[in-house]
């Protein structure tokens, strides 16, 4: 591994909103669209685009249902998403000199 090879950073996660979504779901567990929106402060449209990208990448799964005739979407990280987030965090930790014994 090249010490500072930016190409090793997961582009799917490396977006402010997508990273915030992944972090929120890792901390909260399954969460509704509304809760994720509240936690990260994104707009409906922006959040839905980023959730779709993570879903298309199989980093999260969504269950859609109706409660009192209102649509409810519950999102959760998949095993692939959890592994990708773990790898992403480990790479950043190794990349940053804060955790590097040489730095």
Protein backbone atom coordinates (compact mmCIF):
# COMPACT_ATOMS: atom_id res chain seq x y z
CA UNK A 1 0.00 0.00 0.00
CA UNK A 2 1.28 3.45 -0.88
CA UNK A 3 1.09 5.55 2.27
CA UNK A 4 -1.06 8.33 0.80
CA UNK A 5 -2.82 6.67 -2.13
CA UNK A 6 -6.13 8.54 -2.37
CA UNK A 7 -7.41 5.99 -4.89
CA UNK A 8 -7.81 3.49 -2.06
CA UNK A 9 -10.49 5.64 -0.41
CA UNK A 10 -13.98 4.25 -1.03
CA UNK A 11 -15.67 6.84 -3.27
CA UNK A 12 -19.12 5.56 -2.37
CA UNK A 13 -18.61 6.40 1.30
CA UNK A 14 -16.34 9.41 0.81
CA UNK A 15 -19.06 12.02 0.52
CA UNK A 16 -20.10 14.15 3.47
CA UNK A 17 -23.72 13.07 3.37
CA UNK A 18 -23.08 9.40 2.61
CA UNK A 19 -20.44 9.20 5.33
CA UNK A 20 -22.85 10.84 7.78
CA UNK A 21 -25.58 8.35 6.79
CA UNK A 22 -23.23 5.39 7.25
CA UNK A 23 -22.05 6.72 10.62
CA UNK A 24 -25.60 7.40 11.80
CA UNK A 25 -26.80 3.94 10.82
CA UNK A 26 -23.74 2.35 12.46
CA UNK A 27 -24.57 4.20 15.69
CA UNK A 28 -28.37 4.01 15.61
CA UNK A 29 -29.02 0.71 13.90
CA UNK A 30 -32.10 0.60 11.66
CA UNK A 31 -33.52 4.09 11.26
CA UNK A 32 -36.32 5.82 9.39
CA UNK A 33 -35.73 8.35 6.64
CA UNK A 34 -37.04 11.04 9.00
CA UNK A 35 -34.65 10.12 11.79
CA UNK A 36 -31.66 10.01 9.44
CA UNK A 37 -32.67 13.38 8.02
CA UNK A 38 -32.98 14.83 11.52
CA UNK A 39 -29.65 13.39 12.62
CA UNK A 40 -27.57 14.60 9.67
CA UNK A 41 -29.44 17.76 8.67
CA UNK A 42 -29.80 17.06 4.94
CA UNK A 43 -32.72 18.07 2.75
CA UNK A 44 -35.22 15.43 1.61
CA UNK A 45 -34.07 15.51 -2.00
CA UNK A 46 -30.36 15.47 -1.24
CA UNK A 47 -30.70 12.71 1.32
CA UNK A 48 -32.82 10.51 -0.94
CA UNK A 49 -30.23 10.73 -3.74
CA UNK A 50 -27.42 9.67 -1.41
CA UNK A 51 -29.48 6.90 0.20
CA UNK A 52 -30.21 5.54 -3.27
CA UNK A 53 -26.49 5.50 -4.14
CA UNK A 54 -25.70 3.58 -0.97
CA UNK A 55 -28.58 1.20 -1.66
CA UNK A 56 -27.42 0.67 -5.27
CA UNK A 57 -23.94 -0.09 -3.91
CA UNK A 58 -25.52 -2.65 -1.55
CA UNK A 59 -24.17 -0.78 1.49
CA UNK A 60 -27.64 -0.42 2.94
CA UNK A 61 -31.03 -2.05 2.73
CA UNK A 62 -34.40 -0.35 2.89
CA UNK A 63 -37.73 -1.77 4.05
CA UNK A 64 -40.69 0.24 2.84
CA UNK A 65 -44.12 -0.03 4.41
CA UNK A 66 -47.14 2.01 5.37
CA UNK A 67 -48.09 3.01 8.90
CA UNK A 68 -51.45 4.74 9.26
CA UNK A 69 -51.50 5.11 5.48
CA UNK A 70 -48.21 7.01 5.52
CA UNK A 71 -45.15 5.62 3.73
CA UNK A 72 -42.30 4.70 6.05
CA UNK A 73 -38.81 3.72 4.91
CA UNK A 74 -36.45 2.02 7.37
CA UNK A 75 -32.78 1.86 6.40
CA UNK A 76 -30.06 -0.37 7.82
CA UNK A 77 -26.47 -1.18 6.95
CA UNK A 78 -25.86 -4.46 5.16
CA UNK A 79 -22.95 -6.75 6.02
CA UNK A 80 -21.21 -5.36 2.93
CA UNK A 81 -21.86 -1.81 4.15
CA UNK A 82 -20.54 -2.53 7.65
CA UNK A 83 -17.39 -4.09 6.19
CA UNK A 84 -16.89 -1.17 3.79
CA UNK A 85 -17.28 1.37 6.60
CA UNK A 86 -14.83 -0.56 8.79
CA UNK A 87 -12.28 -0.67 5.94
CA UNK A 88 -12.83 3.03 5.20
CA UNK A 89 -12.24 4.00 8.84
CA UNK A 90 -9.18 1.76 9.14
CA UNK A 91 -7.68 3.25 5.98
CA UNK A 92 -8.23 6.81 7.22
CA UNK A 93 -6.74 5.92 10.61
CA UNK A 94 -3.64 4.57 8.89
CA UNK A 95 -3.53 7.51 6.50
CA UNK A 96 -3.59 10.17 9.21
CA UNK A 97 -0.39 10.73 11.19
CA UNK A 98 -2.37 11.08 14.44
CA UNK A 99 -2.44 7.30 14.83
CA UNK A 100 0.88 6.62 13.14
CA UNK A 101 3.66 5.66 15.57
CA UNK A 102 6.17 7.34 13.20
CA UNK A 103 4.26 10.68 13.36
